[in-house]
């Protein structure tokens, strides 16, 4: 039990991972979409997703050519997301979410 909390708090201790969680709260996304919003390299985004997956915060699903990431739904994650609602007023988070609403994996995978 303590091992999960250790991984959880490590995962939450990074600004980019918090931004990813807020985006995935809005909708499932692929690496190319997350990379586009965060302006980070594909390996960096994949590394962040690996940490979030290791902390059991996100899960992935093969979807044709893409791997789609989403929030793993369980009681602990529900409580974590409730706490992260406090970030909704952050200007960077608001910009991220607005951009997420305007893109699709098809539109950004060609960039």
C-alpha atoms as a PDB file:
ATOM      1  CA  UNK A   1       0.000   0.000   0.000  1.00  0.00           C
ATOM      2  CA  UNK A   2       2.728   2.490   0.923  1.00  0.00           C
ATOM      3  CA  UNK A   3       4.533   1.741  -2.356  1.00  0.00           C
ATOM      4  CA  UNK A   4       1.544   2.984  -4.368  1.00  0.00           C
ATOM      5  CA  UNK A   5       1.424   6.215  -2.369  1.00  0.00           C
ATOM      6  CA  UNK A   6       5.149   6.717  -2.852  1.00  0.00           C
ATOM      7  CA  UNK A   7       4.743   6.359  -6.634  1.00  0.00           C
ATOM      8  CA  UNK A   8       1.618   8.500  -6.551  1.00  0.00           C
ATOM      9  CA  UNK A   9       3.263  11.427  -4.777  1.00  0.00           C
ATOM     10  CA  UNK A  10       6.327  11.186  -7.016  1.00  0.00           C
ATOM     11  CA  UNK A  11       4.070  11.302 -10.066  1.00  0.00           C
ATOM     12  CA  UNK A  12       2.190  14.332  -8.727  1.00  0.00           C
ATOM     13  CA  UNK A  13       5.436  16.165  -7.972  1.00  0.00           C
ATOM     14  CA  UNK A  14       6.033  17.311 -11.546  1.00  0.00           C
ATOM     15  CA  UNK A  15       4.324  20.223 -13.308  1.00  0.00           C
ATOM     16  CA  UNK A  16       4.188  18.486 -16.694  1.00  0.00           C
ATOM     17  CA  UNK A  17       2.569  15.398 -15.202  1.00  0.00           C
ATOM     18  CA  UNK A  18      -0.020  17.559 -13.431  1.00  0.00           C
ATOM     19  CA  UNK A  19      -0.775  19.236 -16.755  1.00  0.00           C
ATOM     20  CA  UNK A  20      -1.132  15.822 -18.416  1.00  0.00           C
ATOM     21  CA  UNK A  21      -3.562  14.662 -15.731  1.00  0.00           C
ATOM     22  CA  UNK A  22      -5.705  17.757 -16.180  1.00  0.00           C
ATOM     23  CA  UNK A  23      -5.787  17.192 -19.951  1.00  0.00           C
ATOM     24  CA  UNK A  24      -6.681  13.518 -19.550  1.00  0.00           C
ATOM     25  CA  UNK A  25      -9.416  14.509 -17.139  1.00  0.00           C
ATOM     26  CA  UNK A  26     -11.002  16.352 -20.069  1.00  0.00           C
ATOM     27  CA  UNK A  27     -10.669  13.440 -22.514  1.00  0.00           C
ATOM     28  CA  UNK A  28      -8.475  10.480 -23.505  1.00  0.00           C
ATOM     29  CA  UNK A  29      -5.471  11.516 -25.593  1.00  0.00           C
ATOM     30  CA  UNK A  30      -2.589  10.042 -27.551  1.00  0.00           C
ATOM     31  CA  UNK A  31       1.082  10.954 -27.096  1.00  0.00           C
ATOM     32  CA  UNK A  32       1.109  13.173 -30.198  1.00  0.00           C
ATOM     33  CA  UNK A  33      -1.700  15.343 -28.788  1.00  0.00           C
ATOM     34  CA  UNK A  34      -0.067  15.642 -25.372  1.00  0.00           C
ATOM     35  CA  UNK A  35       3.279  16.445 -26.995  1.00  0.00           C
ATOM     36  CA  UNK A  36       1.633  19.146 -29.100  1.00  0.00           C
ATOM     37  CA  UNK A  37       0.049  20.862 -26.095  1.00  0.00           C
ATOM     38  CA  UNK A  38       3.067  20.608 -23.781  1.00  0.00           C
ATOM     39  CA  UNK A  39       5.611  21.400 -26.517  1.00  0.00           C
ATOM     40  CA  UNK A  40       7.806  18.542 -25.283  1.00  0.00           C
ATOM     41  CA  UNK A  41       9.549  15.776 -27.208  1.00  0.00           C
ATOM     42  CA  UNK A  42       7.832  12.442 -27.742  1.00  0.00           C
ATOM     43  CA  UNK A  43      10.333  10.561 -25.524  1.00  0.00           C
ATOM     44  CA  UNK A  44       9.822  13.083 -22.699  1.00  0.00           C
ATOM     45  CA  UNK A  45       6.025  12.774 -22.890  1.00  0.00           C
ATOM     46  CA  UNK A  46       6.299   8.979 -23.017  1.00  0.00           C
ATOM     47  CA  UNK A  47       8.495   9.074 -19.906  1.00  0.00           C
ATOM     48  CA  UNK A  48       5.935  11.173 -18.039  1.00  0.00           C
ATOM     49  CA  UNK A  49       3.157   8.789 -19.083  1.00  0.00           C
ATOM     50  CA  UNK A  50       5.236   5.827 -17.895  1.00  0.00           C
ATOM     51  CA  UNK A  51       5.528   7.430 -14.437  1.00  0.00           C
ATOM     52  CA  UNK A  52       1.785   8.192 -14.345  1.00  0.00           C
ATOM     53  CA  UNK A  53       0.985   4.641 -15.436  1.00  0.00           C
ATOM     54  CA  UNK A  54       3.379   3.230 -12.816  1.00  0.00           C
ATOM     55  CA  UNK A  55       1.516   5.254 -10.184  1.00  0.00           C
ATOM     56  CA  UNK A  56      -1.745   3.732 -11.449  1.00  0.00           C
ATOM     57  CA  UNK A  57      -3.093   7.162 -12.364  1.00  0.00           C
ATOM     58  CA  UNK A  58      -3.458   6.495 -16.092  1.00  0.00           C
ATOM     59  CA  UNK A  59      -4.062   3.518 -18.308  1.00  0.00           C
ATOM     60  CA  UNK A  60      -3.487   2.973 -21.994  1.00  0.00           C
ATOM     61  CA  UNK A  61      -5.458   1.315 -24.742  1.00  0.00           C
ATOM     62  CA  UNK A  62      -4.391   0.416 -28.259  1.00  0.00           C
ATOM     63  CA  UNK A  63      -6.681   2.197 -30.719  1.00  0.00           C
ATOM     64  CA  UNK A  64      -5.690   1.396 -34.301  1.00  0.00           C
ATOM     65  CA  UNK A  65      -2.464   3.256 -35.028  1.00  0.00           C
ATOM     66  CA  UNK A  66      -2.562   5.098 -31.729  1.00  0.00           C
ATOM     67  CA  UNK A  67      -2.197   4.300 -28.077  1.00  0.00           C
ATOM     68  CA  UNK A  68      -4.768   6.321 -26.166  1.00  0.00           C
ATOM     69  CA  UNK A  69      -4.161   7.309 -22.545  1.00  0.00           C
ATOM     70  CA  UNK A  70      -6.925   8.008 -20.053  1.00  0.00           C
ATOM     71  CA  UNK A  71      -7.399   8.477 -16.328  1.00  0.00           C
ATOM     72  CA  UNK A  72      -7.650   5.156 -14.515  1.00  0.00           C
ATOM     73  CA  UNK A  73     -10.966   5.256 -12.674  1.00  0.00           C
ATOM     74  CA  UNK A  74     -10.770   4.097  -9.070  1.00  0.00           C
ATOM     75  CA  UNK A  75     -11.675   5.626  -5.718  1.00  0.00           C
ATOM     76  CA  UNK A  76      -8.189   6.922  -4.893  1.00  0.00           C
ATOM     77  CA  UNK A  77      -7.816   8.566  -8.289  1.00  0.00           C
ATOM     78  CA  UNK A  78     -11.270  10.103  -7.905  1.00  0.00           C
ATOM     79  CA  UNK A  79     -10.080  11.714  -4.675  1.00  0.00           C
ATOM     80  CA  UNK A  80      -6.825  12.868  -6.311  1.00  0.00           C
ATOM     81  CA  UNK A  81      -8.734  14.433  -9.211  1.00  0.00           C
ATOM     82  CA  UNK A  82     -10.991  16.183  -6.729  1.00  0.00           C
ATOM     83  CA  UNK A  83      -7.913  17.736  -5.100  1.00  0.00           C
ATOM     84  CA  UNK A  84      -6.524  18.695  -8.521  1.00  0.00           C
ATOM     85  CA  UNK A  85      -9.708  20.704  -9.208  1.00  0.00           C
ATOM     86  CA  UNK A  86      -7.839  23.471  -7.371  1.00  0.00           C
ATOM     87  CA  UNK A  87      -5.663  23.815 -10.484  1.00  0.00           C
ATOM     88  CA  UNK A  88      -8.639  24.697 -12.697  1.00  0.00           C
ATOM     89  CA  UNK A  89      -8.036  28.427 -12.227  1.00  0.00           C
ATOM     90  CA  UNK A  90      -4.341  28.217 -13.131  1.00  0.00           C
ATOM     91  CA  UNK A  91      -3.705  30.185 -16.342  1.00  0.00           C
ATOM     92  CA  UNK A  92      -1.452  27.504 -17.866  1.00  0.00           C
ATOM     93  CA  UNK A  93      -3.996  24.764 -17.174  1.00  0.00           C
ATOM     94  CA  UNK A  94      -6.761  26.870 -18.734  1.00  0.00           C
ATOM     95  CA  UNK A  95      -4.624  27.459 -21.851  1.00  0.00           C
ATOM     96  CA  UNK A  96      -3.848  23.746 -22.072  1.00  0.00           C
ATOM     97  CA  UNK A  97      -7.502  22.726 -21.825  1.00  0.00           C
ATOM     98  CA  UNK A  98      -8.571  25.284 -24.411  1.00  0.00           C
ATOM     99  CA  UNK A  99      -5.947  23.924 -26.815  1.00  0.00           C
ATOM    100  CA  UNK A 100      -6.990  20.316 -26.099  1.00  0.00           C
ATOM    101  CA  UNK A 101     -10.536  21.202 -27.125  1.00  0.00           C
ATOM    102  CA  UNK A 102      -9.307  22.539 -30.475  1.00  0.00           C
ATOM    103  CA  UNK A 103      -7.104  19.625 -31.595  1.00  0.00           C
ATOM    104  CA  UNK A 104      -7.477  16.009 -32.614  1.00  0.00           C
ATOM    105  CA  UNK A 105      -4.940  13.238 -32.963  1.00  0.00           C
ATOM    106  CA  UNK A 106      -5.431  13.341 -36.734  1.00  0.00           C
ATOM    107  CA  UNK A 107      -4.673  17.066 -36.911  1.00  0.00           C
ATOM    108  CA  UNK A 108      -1.498  16.939 -34.812  1.00  0.00           C
ATOM    109  CA  UNK A 109      -0.049  13.590 -35.903  1.00  0.00           C
ATOM    110  CA  UNK A 110       0.954  15.111 -39.248  1.00  0.00           C
ATOM    111  CA  UNK A 111       2.992  17.909 -37.636  1.00  0.00           C
END
